[in-house]
Amino acid sequence: VAGDVARMPAELKARAFDRVIANPPYFDRRRGTAATLAERET
């Protein structure tokens, strides 16, 4: 599903899962410098 974790798509919000996994962005951009390529920065 193409969508945002912050605005969970309805088709996923309606479900409960046995296993959830995540590899969230490693860097807190309140500290540090953003990557120059937008796709990599996301």
PDB file of all heavy atoms in Angstrom:
ATOM      1  N   VAL A   1       0.852  -1.184   0.000  1.00  0.00           N
ATOM      2  CA  VAL A   1       0.000   0.000   0.000  1.00  0.00           C
ATOM      3  C   VAL A   1       0.888   1.235   0.000  1.00  0.00           C
ATOM      4  O   VAL A   1       1.817   1.340   0.809  1.00  0.00           O
ATOM      5  CB  VAL A   1      -0.926   0.016   1.225  1.00  0.00           C
ATOM      6  CG1 VAL A   1      -1.794   1.278   1.233  1.00  0.00           C
ATOM      7  CG2 VAL A   1      -1.804  -1.235   1.255  1.00  0.00           C
ATOM      8  N   ALA A   2       0.620   2.164  -0.902  1.00  0.00           N
ATOM      9  CA  ALA A   2       1.322   3.449  -0.908  1.00  0.00           C
ATOM     10  C   ALA A   2       0.598   4.387   0.049  1.00  0.00           C
ATOM     11  O   ALA A   2      -0.589   4.678  -0.137  1.00  0.00           O
ATOM     12  CB  ALA A   2       1.356   4.037  -2.314  1.00  0.00           C
ATOM     13  N   GLY A   3       1.306   4.833   1.079  1.00  0.00           N
ATOM     14  CA  GLY A   3       0.683   5.703   2.070  1.00  0.00           C
ATOM     15  C   GLY A   3       1.666   6.062   3.157  1.00  0.00           C
ATOM     16  O   GLY A   3       2.809   5.601   3.187  1.00  0.00           O
ATOM     17  N   ASP A   4       1.191   6.902   4.079  1.00  0.00           N
ATOM     18  CA  ASP A   4       2.032   7.497   5.110  1.00  0.00           C
ATOM     19  C   ASP A   4       1.751   6.844   6.458  1.00  0.00           C
ATOM     20  O   ASP A   4       0.585   6.650   6.830  1.00  0.00           O
ATOM     21  CB  ASP A   4       1.724   9.003   5.177  1.00  0.00           C
ATOM     22  CG  ASP A   4       2.759   9.782   5.966  1.00  0.00           C
ATOM     23  OD1 ASP A   4       3.445   9.185   6.811  1.00  0.00           O
ATOM     24  OD2 ASP A   4       2.862  10.996   5.737  1.00  0.00           O
ATOM     25  N   VAL A   5       2.815   6.522   7.195  1.00  0.00           N
ATOM     26  CA  VAL A   5       2.666   5.973   8.539  1.00  0.00           C
ATOM     27  C   VAL A   5       1.865   6.930   9.423  1.00  0.00           C
ATOM     28  O   VAL A   5       1.075   6.498  10.278  1.00  0.00           O
ATOM     29  CB  VAL A   5       4.055   5.697   9.156  1.00  0.00           C
ATOM     30  CG1 VAL A   5       3.939   5.326  10.630  1.00  0.00           C
ATOM     31  CG2 VAL A   5       4.765   4.583   8.392  1.00  0.00           C
ATOM     32  N   ALA A   6       2.059   8.233   9.231  1.00  0.00           N
ATOM     33  CA  ALA A   6       1.367   9.227  10.054  1.00  0.00           C
ATOM     34  C   ALA A   6      -0.115   9.322   9.732  1.00  0.00           C
ATOM     35  O   ALA A   6      -0.898   9.810  10.556  1.00  0.00           O
ATOM     36  CB  ALA A   6       2.025  10.594   9.875  1.00  0.00           C
ATOM     37  N   ARG A   7      -0.517   8.892   8.554  1.00  0.00           N
ATOM     38  CA  ARG A   7      -1.922   8.899   8.143  1.00  0.00           C
ATOM     39  C   ARG A   7      -2.242   7.515   7.588  1.00  0.00           C
ATOM     40  O   ARG A   7      -2.349   7.320   6.372  1.00  0.00           O
ATOM     41  CB  ARG A   7      -2.180  10.000   7.106  1.00  0.00           C
ATOM     42  CG  ARG A   7      -1.996  11.402   7.672  1.00  0.00           C
ATOM     43  CD  ARG A   7      -2.221  12.478   6.629  1.00  0.00           C
ATOM     44  NE  ARG A   7      -1.164  12.477   5.616  1.00  0.00           N
ATOM     45  CZ  ARG A   7       0.007  13.087   5.769  1.00  0.00           C
ATOM     46  NH1 ARG A   7       0.280  13.733   6.891  1.00  0.00           N
ATOM     47  NH2 ARG A   7       0.917  13.054   4.820  1.00  0.00           N
ATOM     48  N   MET A   8      -2.390   6.578   8.484  1.00  0.00           N
ATOM     49  CA  MET A   8      -2.537   5.174   8.120  1.00  0.00           C
ATOM     50  C   MET A   8      -3.700   4.975   7.150  1.00  0.00           C
ATOM     51  O   MET A   8      -4.830   5.389   7.427  1.00  0.00           O
ATOM     52  CB  MET A   8      -2.772   4.341   9.383  1.00  0.00           C
ATOM     53  CG  MET A   8      -2.769   2.842   9.175  1.00  0.00           C
ATOM     54  SD  MET A   8      -1.153   2.163   8.682  1.00  0.00           S
ATOM     55  CE  MET A   8      -0.121   2.651  10.074  1.00  0.00           C
ATOM     56  N   PRO A   9      -3.453   4.375   5.993  1.00  0.00           N
ATOM     57  CA  PRO A   9      -4.540   4.123   5.032  1.00  0.00           C
ATOM     58  C   PRO A   9      -5.651   3.276   5.650  1.00  0.00           C
ATOM     59  O   PRO A   9      -5.387   2.388   6.466  1.00  0.00           O
ATOM     60  CB  PRO A   9      -3.829   3.374   3.903  1.00  0.00           C
ATOM     61  CG  PRO A   9      -2.401   3.812   4.008  1.00  0.00           C
ATOM     62  CD  PRO A   9      -2.141   3.979   5.470  1.00  0.00           C
ATOM     63  N   ALA A  10      -6.875   3.558   5.254  1.00  0.00           N
ATOM     64  CA  ALA A  10      -8.040   2.899   5.849  1.00  0.00           C
ATOM     65  C   ALA A  10      -7.967   1.385   5.711  1.00  0.00           C
ATOM     66  O   ALA A  10      -8.376   0.647   6.618  1.00  0.00           O
ATOM     67  CB  ALA A  10      -9.317   3.433   5.204  1.00  0.00           C
ATOM     68  N   GLU A  11      -7.450   0.897   4.591  1.00  0.00           N
ATOM     69  CA  GLU A  11      -7.414  -0.547   4.373  1.00  0.00           C
ATOM     70  C   GLU A  11      -6.477  -1.265   5.344  1.00  0.00           C
ATOM     71  O   GLU A  11      -6.668  -2.448   5.633  1.00  0.00           O
ATOM     72  CB  GLU A  11      -7.021  -0.862   2.929  1.00  0.00           C
ATOM     73  CG  GLU A  11      -5.682  -0.293   2.517  1.00  0.00           C
ATOM     74  CD  GLU A  11      -5.516  -0.271   1.014  1.00  0.00           C
ATOM     75  OE1 GLU A  11      -5.408  -1.361   0.414  1.00  0.00           O
ATOM     76  OE2 GLU A  11      -5.506   0.827   0.438  1.00  0.00           O
ATOM     77  N   LEU A  12      -5.471  -0.562   5.866  1.00  0.00           N
ATOM     78  CA  LEU A  12      -4.602  -1.128   6.898  1.00  0.00           C
ATOM     79  C   LEU A  12      -5.110  -0.811   8.291  1.00  0.00           C
ATOM     80  O   LEU A  12      -4.980  -1.625   9.215  1.00  0.00           O
ATOM     81  CB  LEU A  12      -3.174  -0.605   6.731  1.00  0.00           C
ATOM     82  CG  LEU A  12      -2.477  -0.987   5.427  1.00  0.00           C
ATOM     83  CD1 LEU A  12      -1.092  -0.351   5.361  1.00  0.00           C
ATOM     84  CD2 LEU A  12      -2.366  -2.506   5.283  1.00  0.00           C
ATOM     85  N   LYS A  13      -5.694   0.369   8.444  1.00  0.00           N
ATOM     86  CA  LYS A  13      -6.218   0.779   9.749  1.00  0.00           C
ATOM     87  C   LYS A  13      -7.332  -0.149  10.220  1.00  0.00           C
ATOM     88  O   LYS A  13      -7.572  -0.304  11.424  1.00  0.00           O
ATOM     89  CB  LYS A  13      -6.730   2.215   9.653  1.00  0.00           C
ATOM     90  CG  LYS A  13      -6.857   2.928  10.979  1.00  0.00           C
ATOM     91  CD  LYS A  13      -7.159   4.394  10.757  1.00  0.00           C
ATOM     92  CE  LYS A  13      -7.202   5.139  12.076  1.00  0.00           C
ATOM     93  NZ  LYS A  13      -7.453   6.589  11.873  1.00  0.00           N
ATOM     94  N   ALA A  14      -8.023  -0.778   9.292  1.00  0.00           N
ATOM     95  CA  ALA A  14      -9.126  -1.665   9.638  1.00  0.00           C
ATOM     96  C   ALA A  14      -8.653  -3.049  10.076  1.00  0.00           C
ATOM     97  O   ALA A  14      -9.475  -3.864  10.513  1.00  0.00           O
ATOM     98  CB  ALA A  14     -10.069  -1.811   8.436  1.00  0.00           C
ATOM     99  N   ARG A  15      -7.361  -3.312   9.968  1.00  0.00           N
ATOM    100  CA  ARG A  15      -6.847  -4.653  10.258  1.00  0.00           C
ATOM    101  C   ARG A  15      -5.953  -4.673  11.495  1.00  0.00           C
ATOM    102  O   ARG A  15      -5.427  -3.650  11.927  1.00  0.00           O
ATOM    103  CB  ARG A  15      -6.031  -5.168   9.069  1.00  0.00           C
ATOM    104  CG  ARG A  15      -6.816  -5.383   7.796  1.00  0.00           C
ATOM    105  CD  ARG A  15      -5.963  -6.106   6.767  1.00  0.00           C
ATOM    106  NE  ARG A  15      -5.507  -7.406   7.264  1.00  0.00           N
ATOM    107  CZ  ARG A  15      -4.639  -8.192   6.620  1.00  0.00           C
ATOM    108  NH1 ARG A  15      -4.145  -7.795   5.455  1.00  0.00           N
ATOM    109  NH2 ARG A  15      -4.274  -9.346   7.128  1.00  0.00           N
ATOM    110  N   ALA A  16      -5.785  -5.862  12.055  1.00  0.00           N
ATOM    111  CA  ALA A  16      -4.800  -6.101  13.112  1.00  0.00           C
ATOM    112  C   ALA A  16      -3.881  -7.213  12.627  1.00  0.00           C
ATOM    113  O   ALA A  16      -4.327  -8.171  11.986  1.00  0.00           O
ATOM    114  CB  ALA A  16      -5.488  -6.506  14.414  1.00  0.00           C
ATOM    115  N   PHE A  17      -2.584  -7.095  12.923  1.00  0.00           N
ATOM    116  CA  PHE A  17      -1.573  -8.003  12.381  1.00  0.00           C
ATOM    117  C   PHE A  17      -0.865  -8.752  13.507  1.00  0.00           C
ATOM    118  O   PHE A  17      -0.678  -8.235  14.605  1.00  0.00           O
ATOM    119  CB  PHE A  17      -0.552  -7.211  11.560  1.00  0.00           C
ATOM    120  CG  PHE A  17      -1.134  -6.538  10.356  1.00  0.00           C
ATOM    121  CD1 PHE A  17      -1.699  -5.270  10.454  1.00  0.00           C
ATOM    122  CD2 PHE A  17      -1.155  -7.170   9.122  1.00  0.00           C
ATOM    123  CE1 PHE A  17      -2.258  -4.647   9.350  1.00  0.00           C
ATOM    124  CE2 PHE A  17      -1.708  -6.562   8.010  1.00  0.00           C
ATOM    125  CZ  PHE A  17      -2.268  -5.290   8.127  1.00  0.00           C
ATOM    126  N   ASP A  18      -0.455  -9.981  13.193  1.00  0.00           N
ATOM    127  CA  ASP A  18       0.293 -10.777  14.169  1.00  0.00           C
ATOM    128  C   ASP A  18       1.704 -10.253  14.374  1.00  0.00           C
ATOM    129  O   ASP A  18       2.241 -10.302  15.487  1.00  0.00           O
ATOM    130  CB  ASP A  18       0.364 -12.243  13.701  1.00  0.00           C
ATOM    131  CG  ASP A  18      -1.003 -12.866  13.547  1.00  0.00           C
ATOM    132  OD1 ASP A  18      -1.752 -12.904  14.542  1.00  0.00           O
ATOM    133  OD2 ASP A  18      -1.328 -13.302  12.425  1.00  0.00           O
ATOM    134  N   ARG A  19       2.305  -9.770  13.309  1.00  0.00           N
ATOM    135  CA  ARG A  19       3.678  -9.275  13.374  1.00  0.00           C
ATOM    136  C   ARG A  19       3.764  -7.942  12.624  1.00  0.00           C
ATOM    137  O   ARG A  19       3.337  -7.854  11.470  1.00  0.00           O
ATOM    138  CB  ARG A  19       4.657 -10.274  12.720  1.00  0.00           C
ATOM    139  CG  ARG A  19       4.600 -11.682  13.305  1.00  0.00           C
ATOM    140  CD  ARG A  19       5.246 -11.740  14.676  1.00  0.00           C
ATOM    141  NE  ARG A  19       5.179 -13.072  15.253  1.00  0.00           N
ATOM    142  CZ  ARG A  19       4.339 -13.440  16.212  1.00  0.00           C
ATOM    143  NH1 ARG A  19       3.464 -12.560  16.678  1.00  0.00           N
ATOM    144  NH2 ARG A  19       4.344 -14.654  16.691  1.00  0.00           N
ATOM    145  N   VAL A  20       4.309  -6.942  13.273  1.00  0.00           N
ATOM    146  CA  VAL A  20       4.611  -5.674  12.622  1.00  0.00           C
ATOM    147  C   VAL A  20       6.108  -5.452  12.721  1.00  0.00           C
ATOM    148  O   VAL A  20       6.714  -5.682  13.788  1.00  0.00           O
ATOM    149  CB  VAL A  20       3.852  -4.496  13.269  1.00  0.00           C
ATOM    150  CG1 VAL A  20       4.276  -3.168  12.641  1.00  0.00           C
ATOM    151  CG2 VAL A  20       2.343  -4.692  13.126  1.00  0.00           C
ATOM    152  N   ILE A  21       6.725  -5.045  11.629  1.00  0.00           N
ATOM    153  CA  ILE A  21       8.156  -4.786  11.604  1.00  0.00           C
ATOM    154  C   ILE A  21       8.396  -3.383  11.065  1.00  0.00           C
ATOM    155  O   ILE A  21       7.583  -2.855  10.309  1.00  0.00           O
ATOM    156  CB  ILE A  21       8.927  -5.831  10.769  1.00  0.00           C
ATOM    157  CG1 ILE A  21       8.481  -5.807   9.302  1.00  0.00           C
ATOM    158  CG2 ILE A  21       8.744  -7.222  11.358  1.00  0.00           C
ATOM    159  CD1 ILE A  21       9.267  -6.762   8.400  1.00  0.00           C
ATOM    160  N   ALA A  22       9.513  -2.788  11.476  1.00  0.00           N
ATOM    161  CA  ALA A  22       9.816  -1.433  11.012  1.00  0.00           C
ATOM    162  C   ALA A  22      11.314  -1.179  11.085  1.00  0.00           C
ATOM    163  O   ALA A  22      11.987  -1.610  12.019  1.00  0.00           O
ATOM    164  CB  ALA A  22       9.069  -0.389  11.845  1.00  0.00           C
ATOM    165  N   ASN A  23      11.790  -0.483  10.073  1.00  0.00           N
ATOM    166  CA  ASN A  23      13.166   0.011  10.004  1.00  0.00           C
ATOM    167  C   ASN A  23      13.064   1.534   9.815  1.00  0.00           C
ATOM    168  O   ASN A  23      13.301   2.045   8.724  1.00  0.00           O
ATOM    169  CB  ASN A  23      13.876  -0.667   8.824  1.00  0.00           C
ATOM    170  CG  ASN A  23      15.316  -0.252   8.680  1.00  0.00           C
ATOM    171  OD1 ASN A  23      15.887   0.406   9.543  1.00  0.00           O
ATOM    172  ND2 ASN A  23      15.932  -0.618   7.559  1.00  0.00           N
ATOM    173  N   PRO A  24      12.659   2.255  10.885  1.00  0.00           N
ATOM    174  CA  PRO A  24      12.401   3.698  10.731  1.00  0.00           C
ATOM    175  C   PRO A  24      13.668   4.456  10.352  1.00  0.00           C
ATOM    176  O   PRO A  24      14.791   3.971  10.562  1.00  0.00           O
ATOM    177  CB  PRO A  24      11.926   4.123  12.129  1.00  0.00           C
ATOM    178  CG  PRO A  24      11.542   2.854  12.824  1.00  0.00           C
ATOM    179  CD  PRO A  24      12.432   1.804  12.250  1.00  0.00           C
ATOM    180  N   PRO A  25      13.513   5.655   9.786  1.00  0.00           N
ATOM    181  CA  PRO A  25      14.698   6.471   9.488  1.00  0.00           C
ATOM    182  C   PRO A  25      15.624   6.579  10.691  1.00  0.00           C
ATOM    183  O   PRO A  25      15.165   6.794  11.818  1.00  0.00           O
ATOM    184  CB  PRO A  25      14.091   7.826   9.115  1.00  0.00           C
ATOM    185  CG  PRO A  25      12.751   7.480   8.546  1.00  0.00           C
ATOM    186  CD  PRO A  25      12.261   6.323   9.362  1.00  0.00           C
ATOM    187  N   TYR A  26      16.913   6.418  10.433  1.00  0.00           N
ATOM    188  CA  TYR A  26      17.881   6.349  11.529  1.00  0.00           C
ATOM    189  C   TYR A  26      18.229   7.699  12.137  1.00  0.00           C
ATOM    190  O   TYR A  26      18.677   7.775  13.276  1.00  0.00           O
ATOM    191  CB  TYR A  26      19.173   5.702  11.025  1.00  0.00           C
ATOM    192  CG  TYR A  26      19.114   4.192  10.909  1.00  0.00           C
ATOM    193  CD1 TYR A  26      20.147   3.487  10.297  1.00  0.00           C
ATOM    194  CD2 TYR A  26      18.035   3.463  11.400  1.00  0.00           C
ATOM    195  CE1 TYR A  26      20.116   2.114  10.189  1.00  0.00           C
ATOM    196  CE2 TYR A  26      17.989   2.092  11.293  1.00  0.00           C
ATOM    197  CZ  TYR A  26      19.031   1.416  10.694  1.00  0.00           C
ATOM    198  OH  TYR A  26      19.000   0.051  10.589  1.00  0.00           O
ATOM    199  N   PHE A  27      18.062   8.778  11.381  1.00  0.00           N
ATOM    200  CA  PHE A  27      18.606  10.053  11.813  1.00  0.00           C
ATOM    201  C   PHE A  27      17.503  11.016  12.237  1.00  0.00           C
ATOM    202  O   PHE A  27      16.500  11.179  11.540  1.00  0.00           O
ATOM    203  CB  PHE A  27      19.458  10.676  10.704  1.00  0.00           C
ATOM    204  CG  PHE A  27      20.615   9.808  10.315  1.00  0.00           C
ATOM    205  CD1 PHE A  27      20.558   9.023   9.172  1.00  0.00           C
ATOM    206  CD2 PHE A  27      21.753   9.747  11.110  1.00  0.00           C
ATOM    207  CE1 PHE A  27      21.614   8.201   8.816  1.00  0.00           C
ATOM    208  CE2 PHE A  27      22.806   8.927  10.764  1.00  0.00           C
ATOM    209  CZ  PHE A  27      22.748   8.152   9.612  1.00  0.00           C
ATOM    210  N   ASP A  28      17.710  11.630  13.387  1.00  0.00           N
ATOM    211  CA  ASP A  28      16.828  12.674  13.892  1.00  0.00           C
ATOM    212  C   ASP A  28      17.275  13.982  13.254  1.00  0.00           C
ATOM    213  O   ASP A  28      18.349  14.492  13.554  1.00  0.00           O
ATOM    214  CB  ASP A  28      16.943  12.740  15.418  1.00  0.00           C
ATOM    215  CG  ASP A  28      16.026  13.787  16.032  1.00  0.00           C
ATOM    216  OD1 ASP A  28      15.439  14.582  15.270  1.00  0.00           O
ATOM    217  OD2 ASP A  28      15.923  13.816  17.268  1.00  0.00           O
ATOM    218  N   ARG A  29      16.447  14.532  12.357  1.00  0.00           N
ATOM    219  CA  ARG A  29      16.874  15.718  11.614  1.00  0.00           C
ATOM    220  C   ARG A  29      16.780  17.006  12.419  1.00  0.00           C
ATOM    221  O   ARG A  29      17.074  18.080  11.897  1.00  0.00           O
ATOM    222  CB  ARG A  29      16.063  15.836  10.319  1.00  0.00           C
ATOM    223  CG  ARG A  29      16.479  14.802   9.285  1.00  0.00           C
ATOM    224  CD  ARG A  29      17.977  14.752   9.092  1.00  0.00           C
ATOM    225  NE  ARG A  29      18.364  13.854   8.001  1.00  0.00           N
ATOM    226  CZ  ARG A  29      19.531  13.253   7.922  1.00  0.00           C
ATOM    227  NH1 ARG A  29      20.431  13.437   8.889  1.00  0.00           N
ATOM    228  NH2 ARG A  29      19.834  12.480   6.904  1.00  0.00           N
ATOM    229  N   ARG A  30      16.406  16.898  13.696  1.00  0.00           N
ATOM    230  CA  ARG A  30      16.599  18.047  14.569  1.00  0.00           C
ATOM    231  C   ARG A  30      18.081  18.228  14.863  1.00  0.00           C
ATOM    232  O   ARG A  30      18.527  19.264  15.321  1.00  0.00           O
ATOM    233  CB  ARG A  30      15.823  17.860  15.875  1.00  0.00           C
ATOM    234  CG  ARG A  30      14.311  17.897  15.702  1.00  0.00           C
ATOM    235  CD  ARG A  30      13.600  17.480  16.955  1.00  0.00           C
ATOM    236  NE  ARG A  30      13.890  16.072  17.289  1.00  0.00           N
ATOM    237  CZ  ARG A  30      13.345  15.434  18.321  1.00  0.00           C
ATOM    238  NH1 ARG A  30      12.482  16.059  19.103  1.00  0.00           N
ATOM    239  NH2 ARG A  30      13.638  14.161  18.557  1.00  0.00           N
ATOM    240  N   ARG A  31      18.832  17.153  14.600  1.00  0.00           N
ATOM    241  CA  ARG A  31      20.287  17.176  14.725  1.00  0.00           C
ATOM    242  C   ARG A  31      20.860  16.539  13.463  1.00  0.00           C
ATOM    243  O   ARG A  31      20.421  15.488  13.035  1.00  0.00           O
ATOM    244  CB  ARG A  31      20.752  16.381  15.956  1.00  0.00           C
ATOM    245  CG  ARG A  31      20.133  16.846  17.254  1.00  0.00           C
ATOM    246  CD  ARG A  31      20.665  16.055  18.438  1.00  0.00           C
ATOM    247  NE  ARG A  31      20.215  14.668  18.416  1.00  0.00           N
ATOM    248  CZ  ARG A  31      19.076  14.257  18.951  1.00  0.00           C
ATOM    249  NH1 ARG A  31      18.264  15.119  19.540  1.00  0.00           N
ATOM    250  NH2 ARG A  31      18.710  12.987  18.904  1.00  0.00           N
ATOM    251  N   GLY A  32      21.836  17.144  12.839  1.00  0.00           N
ATOM    252  CA  GLY A  32      22.458  16.566  11.657  1.00  0.00           C
ATOM    253  C   GLY A  32      21.997  17.234  10.378  1.00  0.00           C
ATOM    254  O   GLY A  32      21.132  18.107  10.363  1.00  0.00           O
ATOM    255  N   THR A  33      22.595  16.774   9.280  1.00  0.00           N
ATOM    256  CA  THR A  33      22.385  17.382   7.965  1.00  0.00           C
ATOM    257  C   THR A  33      21.625  16.435   7.058  1.00  0.00           C
ATOM    258  O   THR A  33      21.914  15.239   7.018  1.00  0.00           O
ATOM    259  CB  THR A  33      23.743  17.735   7.325  1.00  0.00           C
ATOM    260  OG1 THR A  33      24.463  18.587   8.226  1.00  0.00           O
ATOM    261  CG2 THR A  33      23.546  18.441   5.995  1.00  0.00           C
ATOM    262  N   ALA A  34      20.667  16.959   6.332  1.00  0.00           N
ATOM    263  CA  ALA A  34      19.850  16.136   5.444  1.00  0.00           C
ATOM    264  C   ALA A  34      20.659  15.662   4.246  1.00  0.00           C
ATOM    265  O   ALA A  34      21.587  16.328   3.791  1.00  0.00           O
ATOM    266  CB  ALA A  34      18.637  16.929   4.966  1.00  0.00           C
ATOM    267  N   ALA A  35      20.278  14.489   3.712  1.00  0.00           N
ATOM    268  CA  ALA A  35      20.866  13.986   2.479  1.00  0.00           C
ATOM    269  C   ALA A  35      20.417  14.867   1.314  1.00  0.00           C
ATOM    270  O   ALA A  35      19.328  15.434   1.329  1.00  0.00           O
ATOM    271  CB  ALA A  35      20.441  12.541   2.240  1.00  0.00           C
ATOM    272  N   THR A  36      21.271  14.983   0.301  1.00  0.00           N
ATOM    273  CA  THR A  36      20.949  15.867  -0.830  1.00  0.00           C
ATOM    274  C   THR A  36      19.888  15.279  -1.747  1.00  0.00           C
ATOM    275  O   THR A  36      19.106  16.010  -2.352  1.00  0.00           O
ATOM    276  CB  THR A  36      22.219  16.161  -1.653  1.00  0.00           C
ATOM    277  OG1 THR A  36      22.821  14.921  -2.045  1.00  0.00           O
ATOM    278  CG2 THR A  36      23.224  16.947  -0.815  1.00  0.00           C
ATOM    279  N   LEU A  37      19.811  13.959  -1.865  1.00  0.00           N
ATOM    280  CA  LEU A  37      18.829  13.317  -2.727  1.00  0.00           C
ATOM    281  C   LEU A  37      17.550  13.076  -1.929  1.00  0.00           C
ATOM    282  O   LEU A  37      17.575  12.421  -0.883  1.00  0.00           O
ATOM    283  CB  LEU A  37      19.388  11.998  -3.263  1.00  0.00           C
ATOM    284  CG  LEU A  37      18.630  11.354  -4.412  1.00  0.00           C
ATOM    285  CD1 LEU A  37      18.665  12.231  -5.655  1.00  0.00           C
ATOM    286  CD2 LEU A  37      19.221   9.979  -4.735  1.00  0.00           C
ATOM    287  N   ALA A  38      16.432  13.603  -2.413  1.00  0.00           N
ATOM    288  CA  ALA A  38      15.181  13.573  -1.651  1.00  0.00           C
ATOM    289  C   ALA A  38      14.748  12.158  -1.299  1.00  0.00           C
ATOM    290  O   ALA A  38      14.288  11.895  -0.176  1.00  0.00           O
ATOM    291  CB  ALA A  38      14.087  14.283  -2.438  1.00  0.00           C
ATOM    292  N   GLU A  39      14.856  11.215  -2.243  1.00  0.00           N
ATOM    293  CA  GLU A  39      14.422   9.849  -1.988  1.00  0.00           C
ATOM    294  C   GLU A  39      15.237   9.206  -0.870  1.00  0.00           C
ATOM    295  O   GLU A  39      14.711   8.460  -0.048  1.00  0.00           O
ATOM    296  CB  GLU A  39      14.542   9.006  -3.263  1.00  0.00           C
ATOM    297  CG  GLU A  39      13.613   9.450  -4.388  1.00  0.00           C
ATOM    298  CD  GLU A  39      14.240  10.517  -5.271  1.00  0.00           C
ATOM    299  OE1 GLU A  39      15.247  11.125  -4.851  1.00  0.00           O
ATOM    300  OE2 GLU A  39      13.712  10.736  -6.373  1.00  0.00           O
ATOM    301  N   ARG A  40      16.526   9.500  -0.851  1.00  0.00           N
ATOM    302  CA  ARG A  40      17.388   8.950   0.197  1.00  0.00           C
ATOM    303  C   ARG A  40      17.078   9.599   1.545  1.00  0.00           C
ATOM    304  O   ARG A  40      17.046   8.930   2.576  1.00  0.00           O
ATOM    305  CB  ARG A  40      18.851   9.174  -0.189  1.00  0.00           C
ATOM    306  CG  ARG A  40      19.850   8.608   0.800  1.00  0.00           C
ATOM    307  CD  ARG A  40      21.268   8.719   0.251  1.00  0.00           C
ATOM    308  NE  ARG A  40      22.258   8.323   1.227  1.00  0.00           N
ATOM    309  CZ  ARG A  40      22.591   7.064   1.505  1.00  0.00           C
ATOM    310  NH1 ARG A  40      22.003   6.081   0.863  1.00  0.00           N
ATOM    311  NH2 ARG A  40      23.505   6.783   2.400  1.00  0.00           N
ATOM    312  N   GLU A  41      16.819  10.897   1.548  1.00  0.00           N
ATOM    313  CA  GLU A  41      16.511  11.606   2.782  1.00  0.00           C
ATOM    314  C   GLU A  41      15.225  11.094   3.414  1.00  0.00           C
ATOM    315  O   GLU A  41      15.138  10.939   4.644  1.00  0.00           O
ATOM    316  CB  GLU A  41      16.416  13.109   2.519  1.00  0.00           C
ATOM    317  CG  GLU A  41      15.960  13.938   3.712  1.00  0.00           C
ATOM    318  CD  GLU A  41      16.858  13.785   4.931  1.00  0.00           C
ATOM    319  OE1 GLU A  41      18.031  13.372   4.786  1.00  0.00           O
ATOM    320  OE2 GLU A  41      16.377  14.069   6.048  1.00  0.00           O
ATOM    321  N   THR A  42      14.226  10.795   2.598  1.00  0.00           N
ATOM    322  CA  THR A  42      12.971  10.271   3.135  1.00  0.00           C
ATOM    323  C   THR A  42      13.200   8.972   3.880  1.00  0.00           C
ATOM    324  O   THR A  42      12.598   8.718   4.930  1.00  0.00           O
ATOM    325  CB  THR A  42      11.953  10.056   2.001  1.00  0.00           C
ATOM    326  OG1 THR A  42      11.687  11.310   1.379  1.00  0.00           O
ATOM    327  CG2 THR A  42      10.647   9.481   2.524  1.00  0.00           C
TER     328      THR A  42
END
